[in-house]
Amino acid sequence: MSYSQGIDIFPKNIIFVDDKQKHLKSVEAVCQKVRIKFIGFNHTVVAGRPRASLNEKRAQLQVEILEKEHKWLFDKEADKERQRGKEKYEP
């Protein structure tokens, strides 16, 4: 819970998706301790697939838009924004 404590929020609910059962159990245990409702999904579709390399410019743009507009762009959407010349996001 150090992340939420560092930004002064305390959620009532957490929905967590991960491909590793141990990560789900870990977050669930913390939620139980601090009385946060937890919903966990074990997403195994990606298990066994080769990992794609991180596109840092795409990720940076996605985070900038998330922070400013509170919405997440999928990779294809972010790539379109980058092609339009929005490397440095300006609303």
C-alpha atoms as a PDB file:
ATOM      1  CA  MET A   1       0.000   0.000   0.000  1.00  0.00           C
ATOM      2  CA  SER A   2       2.986   2.317  -0.098  1.00  0.00           C
ATOM      3  CA  TYR A   3       1.884   3.645  -3.510  1.00  0.00           C
ATOM      4  CA  SER A   4      -1.500   4.878  -2.303  1.00  0.00           C
ATOM      5  CA  GLN A   5      -0.014   6.212   0.925  1.00  0.00           C
ATOM      6  CA  GLY A   6       2.522   8.212  -1.057  1.00  0.00           C
ATOM      7  CA  ILE A   7      -0.187  10.029  -3.019  1.00  0.00           C
ATOM      8  CA  ASP A   8      -2.670  10.436  -0.156  1.00  0.00           C
ATOM      9  CA  ILE A   9      -5.462   8.274  -1.535  1.00  0.00           C
ATOM     10  CA  PHE A  10      -7.206   5.360   0.034  1.00  0.00           C
ATOM     11  CA  PRO A  11      -9.420   3.450  -2.412  1.00  0.00           C
ATOM     12  CA  LYS A  12     -12.619   1.696  -1.382  1.00  0.00           C
ATOM     13  CA  ASN A  13     -12.202  -0.921  -4.106  1.00  0.00           C
ATOM     14  CA  ILE A  14      -9.341  -2.382  -6.111  1.00  0.00           C
ATOM     15  CA  ILE A  15      -9.752  -4.294  -9.351  1.00  0.00           C
ATOM     16  CA  PHE A  16      -6.504  -6.034 -10.198  1.00  0.00           C
ATOM     17  CA  VAL A  17      -5.637  -8.027 -13.333  1.00  0.00           C
ATOM     18  CA  ASP A  18      -2.460 -10.081 -13.519  1.00  0.00           C
ATOM     19  CA  ASP A  19      -1.161 -13.210 -15.176  1.00  0.00           C
ATOM     20  CA  LYS A  20       0.485 -14.471 -11.982  1.00  0.00           C
ATOM     21  CA  GLN A  21      -1.645 -15.974  -9.220  1.00  0.00           C
ATOM     22  CA  LYS A  22       0.964 -15.073  -6.584  1.00  0.00           C
ATOM     23  CA  HIS A  23       0.606 -11.365  -7.436  1.00  0.00           C
ATOM     24  CA  LEU A  24      -3.173 -11.572  -7.095  1.00  0.00           C
ATOM     25  CA  LYS A  25      -2.847 -13.275  -3.700  1.00  0.00           C
ATOM     26  CA  SER A  26      -0.344 -10.686  -2.511  1.00  0.00           C
ATOM     27  CA  VAL A  27      -2.561  -7.707  -3.391  1.00  0.00           C
ATOM     28  CA  GLU A  28      -5.610  -9.484  -1.992  1.00  0.00           C
ATOM     29  CA  ALA A  29      -3.827 -10.069   1.347  1.00  0.00           C
ATOM     30  CA  VAL A  30      -2.946  -6.383   1.668  1.00  0.00           C
ATOM     31  CA  CYS A  31      -6.502  -5.382   0.778  1.00  0.00           C
ATOM     32  CA  GLN A  32      -7.897  -7.669   3.464  1.00  0.00           C
ATOM     33  CA  LYS A  33      -5.587  -6.127   6.072  1.00  0.00           C
ATOM     34  CA  VAL A  34      -6.709  -2.593   5.295  1.00  0.00           C
ATOM     35  CA  ARG A  35     -10.351  -3.495   4.553  1.00  0.00           C
ATOM     36  CA  ILE A  36     -10.423  -2.640   0.866  1.00  0.00           C
ATOM     37  CA  LYS A  37     -12.792  -4.607  -1.357  1.00  0.00           C
ATOM     38  CA  PHE A  38     -10.686  -6.648  -3.788  1.00  0.00           C
ATOM     39  CA  ILE A  39     -11.635  -8.127  -7.146  1.00  0.00           C
ATOM     40  CA  GLY A  40      -8.876 -10.049  -8.889  1.00  0.00           C
ATOM     41  CA  PHE A  41      -8.694 -11.523 -12.360  1.00  0.00           C
ATOM     42  CA  ASN A  42      -6.092 -14.063 -13.377  1.00  0.00           C
ATOM     43  CA  HIS A  43      -5.502 -13.194 -17.034  1.00  0.00           C
ATOM     44  CA  THR A  44      -3.559 -16.090 -18.521  1.00  0.00           C
ATOM     45  CA  VAL A  45      -4.104 -15.409 -22.228  1.00  0.00           C
ATOM     46  CA  VAL A  46      -0.641 -13.858 -22.488  1.00  0.00           C
ATOM     47  CA  ALA A  47       1.096 -16.694 -20.631  1.00  0.00           C
ATOM     48  CA  GLY A  48       3.648 -18.347 -22.859  1.00  0.00           C
ATOM     49  CA  ARG A  49       3.619 -15.606 -25.479  1.00  0.00           C
ATOM     50  CA  PRO A  50       6.860 -13.831 -26.239  1.00  0.00           C
ATOM     51  CA  ARG A  51       7.046 -10.396 -24.653  1.00  0.00           C
ATOM     52  CA  ALA A  52       6.951  -7.401 -26.931  1.00  0.00           C
ATOM     53  CA  SER A  53       9.600  -4.798 -26.334  1.00  0.00           C
ATOM     54  CA  LEU A  54       8.497  -1.598 -24.642  1.00  0.00           C
ATOM     55  CA  ASN A  55       8.015   1.376 -26.932  1.00  0.00           C
ATOM     56  CA  GLU A  56       9.172   4.099 -24.548  1.00  0.00           C
ATOM     57  CA  LYS A  57       7.962   7.046 -26.641  1.00  0.00           C
ATOM     58  CA  ARG A  58       4.493   5.501 -26.930  1.00  0.00           C
ATOM     59  CA  ALA A  59       4.374   4.786 -23.207  1.00  0.00           C
ATOM     60  CA  GLN A  60       5.492   8.317 -22.346  1.00  0.00           C
ATOM     61  CA  LEU A  61       2.725   9.797 -24.508  1.00  0.00           C
ATOM     62  CA  GLN A  62       0.142   7.434 -22.958  1.00  0.00           C
ATOM     63  CA  VAL A  63       1.145   8.498 -19.445  1.00  0.00           C
ATOM     64  CA  GLU A  64       1.115  12.204 -20.352  1.00  0.00           C
ATOM     65  CA  ILE A  65      -2.416  11.942 -21.752  1.00  0.00           C
ATOM     66  CA  LEU A  66      -3.544   9.858 -18.786  1.00  0.00           C
ATOM     67  CA  GLU A  67      -2.263  12.499 -16.367  1.00  0.00           C
ATOM     68  CA  LYS A  68      -3.771  15.435 -18.264  1.00  0.00           C
ATOM     69  CA  GLU A  69      -7.051  14.006 -19.585  1.00  0.00           C
ATOM     70  CA  HIS A  70      -7.620  11.050 -17.252  1.00  0.00           C
ATOM     71  CA  LYS A  71      -8.009   8.650 -20.161  1.00  0.00           C
ATOM     72  CA  TRP A  72      -5.849   5.822 -21.436  1.00  0.00           C
ATOM     73  CA  LEU A  73      -4.933   5.496 -25.099  1.00  0.00           C
ATOM     74  CA  PHE A  74      -4.499   2.022 -26.505  1.00  0.00           C
ATOM     75  CA  ASP A  75      -1.225   1.431 -28.341  1.00  0.00           C
ATOM     76  CA  LYS A  76      -2.751   1.991 -31.792  1.00  0.00           C
ATOM     77  CA  GLU A  77      -4.381   5.237 -30.651  1.00  0.00           C
ATOM     78  CA  ALA A  78      -1.132   6.485 -29.146  1.00  0.00           C
ATOM     79  CA  ASP A  79       0.735   5.603 -32.322  1.00  0.00           C
ATOM     80  CA  LYS A  80      -1.760   7.653 -34.351  1.00  0.00           C
ATOM     81  CA  GLU A  81      -1.269  10.611 -32.014  1.00  0.00           C
ATOM     82  CA  ARG A  82       2.505  10.299 -32.377  1.00  0.00           C
ATOM     83  CA  GLN A  83       2.181  10.195 -36.174  1.00  0.00           C
ATOM     84  CA  ARG A  84       0.155  13.426 -36.022  1.00  0.00           C
ATOM     85  CA  GLY A  85       3.120  15.048 -34.319  1.00  0.00           C
ATOM     86  CA  LYS A  86       1.991  14.980 -30.711  1.00  0.00           C
ATOM     87  CA  GLU A  87       5.273  13.623 -29.347  1.00  0.00           C
ATOM     88  CA  LYS A  88       5.027  16.199 -26.580  1.00  0.00           C
ATOM     89  CA  TYR A  89       1.368  16.211 -25.698  1.00  0.00           C
ATOM     90  CA  GLU A  90      -0.443  19.533 -25.594  1.00  0.00           C
ATOM     91  CA  PRO A  91      -4.231  19.508 -25.045  1.00  0.00           C
END
